[in-house]
Protein backbone atom coordinates (compact mmCIF):
# COMPACT_ATOMS: atom_id res chain seq x y z
CA MET A 1 -86.41 -2.39 34.11
CA PRO A 2 -88.11 -4.80 31.54
CA GLY A 3 -84.56 -5.52 30.25
CA LYS A 4 -83.51 -6.59 33.99
CA LEU A 5 -86.83 -8.76 34.29
CA THR A 6 -85.99 -10.70 31.33
CA LEU A 7 -82.48 -11.09 32.49
CA ASP A 8 -83.38 -12.56 35.66
CA LEU A 9 -86.02 -14.63 34.12
CA CYS A 10 -83.33 -16.12 31.67
CA ARG A 11 -80.95 -16.52 34.57
CA ASN A 12 -83.62 -18.29 36.80
CA LEU A 13 -84.54 -20.49 33.76
CA TYR A 14 -81.01 -21.58 33.30
CA LEU A 15 -80.44 -22.21 36.90
CA PHE A 16 -83.73 -24.50 36.83
CA SER A 17 -82.48 -26.44 33.95
CA ILE A 18 -79.31 -27.33 35.71
CA PHE A 19 -81.35 -28.41 38.64
CA CYS A 20 -83.64 -30.60 36.41
CA TYR A 21 -80.37 -32.07 34.90
CA TYR A 22 -78.89 -33.09 38.05
CA LEU A 23 -82.23 -34.24 39.29
CA CYS A 24 -82.64 -36.59 36.37
CA ARG A 25 -79.23 -37.88 36.76
CA SER A 26 -79.42 -38.68 40.20
CA LEU A 27 -82.85 -40.59 39.96
CA ARG A 28 -81.36 -42.65 37.41
CA CYS A 29 -78.66 -43.72 39.80
CA LEU A 30 -80.72 -43.88 42.91
CA TRP A 31 -83.52 -46.41 41.85
CA LEU A 32 -82.75 -50.12 41.19
CA VAL A 33 -86.43 -51.20 40.90
CA ARG A 34 -86.52 -54.58 39.15
CA PRO A 35 -88.83 -54.78 36.00
CA ASP A 36 -90.28 -58.07 37.40
CA VAL A 37 -91.71 -56.74 40.69
CA LYS A 38 -93.83 -59.49 42.29
CA PRO A 39 -97.29 -58.62 43.71
CA ASP A 40 -96.18 -59.68 47.32
CA SER A 41 -92.79 -58.00 46.89
CA VAL A 42 -91.24 -55.97 49.78
CA THR A 43 -89.46 -52.75 49.02
CA CYS A 44 -86.12 -52.36 50.74
CA VAL A 45 -84.25 -48.93 50.82
CA PHE A 46 -80.38 -49.13 51.36
CA VAL A 47 -78.61 -46.09 52.88
CA HIS A 48 -74.69 -46.11 52.91
CA GLY A 49 -72.20 -44.74 55.44
CA TRP A 50 -69.60 -41.99 55.41
CA ALA A 51 -67.54 -41.21 52.43
CA MET A 52 -69.22 -43.93 50.50
CA ASN A 53 -72.14 -44.19 48.12
CA SER A 54 -74.97 -46.43 46.76
CA ALA A 55 -72.56 -48.58 44.81
CA VAL A 56 -71.28 -50.02 48.03
CA TRP A 57 -74.41 -52.32 48.31
CA ASP A 58 -73.95 -53.62 44.55
CA ASP A 59 -72.65 -57.30 45.16
CA CYS A 60 -74.94 -58.31 48.31
CA ILE A 61 -77.86 -56.94 46.31
CA LYS A 62 -77.18 -59.32 43.69
CA LEU A 63 -77.60 -62.10 46.44
CA LEU A 64 -81.19 -61.10 47.16
CA PRO A 65 -84.39 -62.96 46.09
CA ASP A 66 -86.52 -61.37 43.32
CA TRP A 67 -89.56 -60.59 45.53
CA ILE A 68 -87.29 -57.90 47.31
CA ASN A 69 -87.67 -54.63 45.41
CA VAL A 70 -84.47 -52.55 45.76
CA ILE A 71 -83.96 -48.84 46.10
CA VAL A 72 -80.65 -47.46 46.79
CA VAL A 73 -79.82 -43.82 47.73
CA ASP A 74 -76.71 -41.42 47.63
CA LEU A 75 -76.94 -39.17 50.53
CA PRO A 76 -76.54 -35.50 49.71
CA GLY A 77 -72.95 -34.75 48.80
CA HIS A 78 -72.08 -38.44 47.88
CA GLY A 79 -71.92 -40.09 44.73
CA SER A 80 -74.48 -38.75 42.18
CA MET A 81 -75.66 -36.37 44.73
CA ALA A 82 -72.52 -34.71 45.16
CA MET A 83 -73.75 -31.36 43.93
CA VAL A 84 -76.52 -31.44 46.70
CA ASN A 85 -75.62 -29.69 50.23
CA ALA A 86 -76.64 -30.82 53.62
CA ASP A 87 -75.72 -29.35 56.97
CA THR A 88 -77.64 -31.40 59.46
CA LEU A 89 -78.98 -35.03 60.06
CA ASP A 90 -82.57 -34.08 59.49
CA ASP A 91 -81.36 -32.74 56.00
CA TYR A 92 -80.24 -36.44 55.20
CA VAL A 93 -83.76 -37.48 56.46
CA GLN A 94 -85.49 -34.67 54.28
CA SER A 95 -83.54 -36.19 51.22
CA LEU A 96 -85.06 -39.88 52.13
CA ILE A 97 -88.66 -38.90 52.43
CA PRO A 98 -89.76 -38.48 48.88
CA LEU A 99 -88.33 -42.00 48.07
CA VAL A 100 -91.54 -43.85 49.38
CA HIS A 101 -94.98 -43.00 50.20
CA ARG A 102 -95.70 -45.91 52.44
CA PRO A 103 -93.91 -48.00 55.00
CA VAL A 104 -91.03 -50.05 53.81
CA LEU A 105 -87.99 -51.90 55.03
CA TRP A 106 -84.78 -49.44 55.41
CA VAL A 107 -81.27 -50.81 55.65
CA GLY A 108 -79.08 -48.07 57.06
CA TRP A 109 -75.22 -48.64 57.51
CA SER A 110 -73.08 -46.47 59.84
CA LEU A 111 -73.80 -42.84 59.46
CA GLY A 112 -76.64 -44.05 57.16
CA GLY A 113 -78.26 -45.87 60.05
CA LEU A 114 -78.44 -42.62 62.12
CA ALA A 115 -80.33 -41.18 59.20
CA VAL A 116 -82.66 -44.17 59.13
CA LEU A 117 -83.27 -44.10 63.03
CA ARG A 118 -83.84 -40.47 62.77
CA LEU A 119 -86.44 -41.08 59.92
CA ALA A 120 -87.91 -43.76 62.06
CA GLU A 121 -88.47 -41.34 64.75
CA LEU A 122 -89.82 -38.52 62.68
CA TYR A 123 -91.65 -40.12 60.26
CA PRO A 124 -93.05 -43.55 61.19
CA GLN A 125 -95.44 -43.83 58.62
CA ARG A 126 -92.52 -44.37 56.10
CA VAL A 127 -90.72 -47.17 58.10
CA ALA A 128 -92.25 -50.65 58.22
CA ALA A 129 -88.77 -52.00 59.99
CA ALA A 130 -85.37 -50.97 59.99
CA MET A 131 -82.09 -53.04 59.83
CA LEU A 132 -79.27 -50.95 61.33
CA VAL A 133 -75.79 -52.06 60.21
CA THR A 134 -72.96 -51.29 62.60
CA THR A 135 -74.54 -48.42 63.73
CA ASN A 136 -74.41 -46.90 67.03
CA PRO A 137 -77.31 -44.47 68.33
CA CYS A 138 -74.40 -42.37 69.78
CA PHE A 139 -71.13 -43.05 68.13
CA VAL A 140 -69.16 -41.12 70.55
CA SER A 141 -68.57 -42.05 74.27
CA ARG A 142 -69.99 -39.76 77.03
CA GLN A 143 -70.57 -40.07 80.64
CA GLY A 144 -72.27 -43.52 81.35
CA TRP A 145 -71.83 -44.50 77.61
CA ASP A 146 -68.93 -46.35 77.09
CA CYS A 147 -69.86 -48.64 74.06
CA ALA A 148 -68.57 -46.09 71.61
CA VAL A 149 -65.50 -44.49 70.54
CA ASP A 150 -63.61 -41.59 71.96
CA GLU A 151 -64.28 -38.04 70.25
CA SER A 152 -60.64 -38.00 69.34
CA VAL A 153 -61.16 -40.47 66.52
CA PHE A 154 -63.48 -38.40 64.51
CA LYS A 155 -61.91 -34.90 65.51
CA GLN A 156 -58.53 -36.28 64.08
CA PHE A 157 -60.36 -37.48 61.06
CA ALA A 158 -61.60 -34.01 60.64
CA LEU A 159 -58.13 -32.48 61.07
CA ASP A 160 -56.62 -34.88 58.48
CA LEU A 161 -59.58 -34.22 56.01
CA GLY A 162 -58.32 -30.63 55.67
CA ARG A 163 -54.66 -31.84 55.05
CA ASP A 164 -54.90 -34.84 52.73
CA GLN A 165 -58.54 -35.83 51.88
CA GLN A 166 -57.27 -39.12 49.69
CA LYS A 167 -55.09 -40.29 52.36
CA THR A 168 -57.76 -39.75 55.24
CA ILE A 169 -60.19 -41.86 53.14
CA ARG A 170 -57.71 -44.67 52.88
CA ARG A 171 -56.97 -44.59 56.65
CA PHE A 172 -60.81 -44.72 57.30
CA LEU A 173 -61.35 -47.72 54.85
CA ALA A 174 -58.24 -49.53 56.61
CA LEU A 175 -60.05 -48.87 60.11
CA GLN A 176 -63.21 -50.43 58.72
CA VAL A 177 -61.68 -53.71 58.12
CA LYS A 178 -59.25 -54.16 60.98
CA GLY A 179 -58.94 -57.48 62.31
CA ILE A 180 -60.76 -59.55 59.65
CA ASP A 181 -59.48 -62.25 57.52
CA ASN A 182 -60.13 -61.01 53.98
CA VAL A 183 -58.89 -57.47 54.39
CA MET A 184 -57.74 -56.88 50.90
CA ASN A 185 -60.92 -58.13 49.15
CA VAL A 186 -63.19 -55.82 51.33
CA VAL A 187 -60.82 -52.82 50.80
CA ARG A 188 -60.99 -53.28 47.10
CA GLN A 189 -64.70 -53.49 47.00
CA LEU A 190 -65.06 -50.38 49.12
CA GLN A 191 -62.50 -48.49 46.76
CA HIS A 192 -64.42 -49.57 43.86
CA SER A 193 -67.77 -48.11 44.92
CA ILE A 194 -66.22 -44.97 45.70
CA GLN A 195 -64.65 -44.71 42.11
CA SER A 196 -67.82 -46.05 40.19
CA ARG A 197 -69.91 -43.16 41.66
CA GLY A 198 -67.34 -40.52 42.61
CA MET A 199 -65.85 -39.06 45.73
CA ALA A 200 -67.92 -37.24 48.43
CA SER A 201 -67.58 -33.64 48.44
CA THR A 202 -65.46 -32.18 50.92
CA SER A 203 -68.33 -30.26 52.79
CA ALA A 204 -70.42 -33.44 52.87
CA LEU A 205 -67.15 -35.41 54.53
CA SER A 206 -67.10 -32.76 57.15
CA THR A 207 -70.68 -32.47 57.72
CA GLY A 208 -70.86 -36.25 58.17
CA LEU A 209 -67.97 -36.21 60.69
CA GLU A 210 -69.84 -33.49 62.74
CA ILE A 211 -72.97 -35.60 62.66
CA LEU A 212 -71.19 -38.65 64.00
CA LEU A 213 -69.77 -36.53 66.74
CA ASP A 214 -72.73 -34.65 67.76
CA THR A 215 -75.64 -36.95 67.20
CA ASP A 216 -77.24 -38.78 70.25
CA LEU A 217 -80.33 -40.86 69.33
CA ARG A 218 -80.56 -43.04 72.48
CA ARG A 219 -83.82 -41.43 73.63
CA ALA A 220 -85.41 -42.09 70.14
CA LEU A 221 -85.26 -45.79 70.98
CA SER A 222 -87.91 -45.67 73.50
CA ILE A 223 -90.20 -43.67 70.86
CA ILE A 224 -89.88 -45.82 67.85
CA ASP A 225 -92.19 -48.56 67.80
CA CYS A 226 -91.44 -50.21 64.52
CA PRO A 227 -89.14 -53.57 64.55
CA VAL A 228 -85.66 -52.52 64.67
CA HIS A 229 -82.93 -55.05 63.66
CA TRP A 230 -79.31 -54.61 64.91
CA LEU A 231 -76.27 -56.16 62.89
CA LEU A 232 -72.88 -55.58 64.63
CA GLY A 233 -69.38 -57.03 64.14
CA ALA A 234 -67.36 -58.30 66.99
CA LYS A 235 -64.19 -56.79 65.55
CA ASP A 236 -65.45 -53.53 64.73
CA SER A 237 -63.08 -50.64 65.70
CA LEU A 238 -65.84 -47.96 65.14
CA VAL A 239 -68.83 -49.60 66.90
CA PRO A 240 -67.71 -51.75 69.86
CA ALA A 241 -69.35 -55.20 70.10
CA GLU A 242 -70.17 -53.88 73.76
CA LEU A 243 -72.94 -52.14 72.38
CA ALA A 244 -74.99 -55.28 71.90
CA ILE A 245 -75.16 -55.51 75.73
CA ALA A 246 -76.21 -51.95 76.32
CA LEU A 247 -78.92 -52.11 73.52
CA LYS A 248 -80.65 -55.11 75.00
CA GLU A 249 -80.31 -54.20 78.78
CA GLU A 250 -80.76 -50.51 78.68
CA TYR A 251 -82.87 -49.82 75.74
CA ALA A 252 -84.91 -53.12 75.22
CA GLN A 253 -83.60 -53.88 71.89
CA HIS A 254 -83.85 -57.51 71.70
CA ASP A 255 -83.15 -58.20 68.15
CA VAL A 256 -79.35 -57.81 68.12
CA THR A 257 -76.97 -59.94 66.16
CA VAL A 258 -73.16 -59.79 66.52
CA LEU A 259 -71.14 -61.38 63.89
CA SER A 260 -67.92 -63.06 65.45
CA ASN A 261 -65.52 -62.48 62.60
CA ALA A 262 -67.15 -59.33 61.08
CA SER A 263 -65.97 -55.74 61.34
CA HIS A 264 -67.61 -52.50 60.11
CA ALA A 265 -68.82 -53.58 56.78
CA PRO A 266 -70.24 -57.16 57.31
CA PHE A 267 -72.46 -56.83 54.18
CA ILE A 268 -69.21 -57.28 52.07
CA SER A 269 -67.10 -59.37 54.44
CA HIS A 270 -69.84 -61.70 55.28
CA ALA A 271 -72.16 -60.98 52.52
CA GLU A 272 -74.05 -64.41 52.49
CA LEU A 273 -74.84 -64.00 56.33
CA PHE A 274 -75.93 -60.32 55.94
CA VAL A 275 -78.36 -61.53 53.24
CA GLU A 276 -79.54 -64.18 55.25
CA GLN A 277 -80.59 -61.68 58.02
CA LEU A 278 -82.26 -59.29 55.76
CA VAL A 279 -84.21 -61.77 53.93
CA SER A 280 -85.44 -62.89 57.13
CA HIS A 281 -86.59 -59.58 58.29
CA ALA A 282 -88.07 -58.89 54.89
CA GLN A 283 -89.90 -62.23 54.85
CA GLN A 284 -91.57 -61.26 58.03
CA LEU A 285 -92.96 -58.25 56.53
CA ARG A 286 -94.04 -60.04 53.47
CA THR A 287 -96.09 -62.43 55.43
CA SER A 288 -97.84 -59.58 57.23
CA GLN A 289 -98.65 -58.23 53.99
CA VAL A 290 -100.76 -61.34 53.19
């Protein structure tokens, strides 16, 4: 019996050391806090979308003023967090909670926008404002909800994922840039971000598609009382531009911007316009802190 206890203790210590290793490695990748943080700075947390990772924000972050304190995060199963499992949208939310202990500005892209929206619903004390980039509170069309895509789109991605993951990701990237002028430039940047931090795990990709299929946060819009800023693309194949009308008329979301020549990744294709929007929202928070 003492021998067994010693063996179990050693095994547990070994597993704990592995956990600490991955935790430390992840934290080094997640935080981009600037060394010269201003006293009146605004903290902004960036949350990426399906199949991507935090590197997708790198270029637009370079354009931000020095009074914006940046935190980027890899969702469970993505990038530096590829070894971490998550089964639900609420699991994503739980991974975001420890990042800050006061209300800050959150920027969520697509699937990441759902995580931010859910965070604002469950933990309003962590969210001063939210900027949702090409996010739909309900990505799949339902009865009375036509400003979304048919469920077959995500079901087909899920089916293709089991056959050829690399090809499925390439098709998804192509769908994100459909209709815009600088297609190849945006695709290259998206591919580079995947390569720089690593491909998401297969289980994470499947989980993300399930979340996109099943999540409906429309009711949460009437509960959330922090400022919510929506940025959409008129040429987006995954989030129809008609969503802007529904958000304004049915859910009293008045801060909705549609970029006429943008698709699903406007922070890459229209980086300067995206940064202009973000800085404007951050400045409002900065002024209120004075």
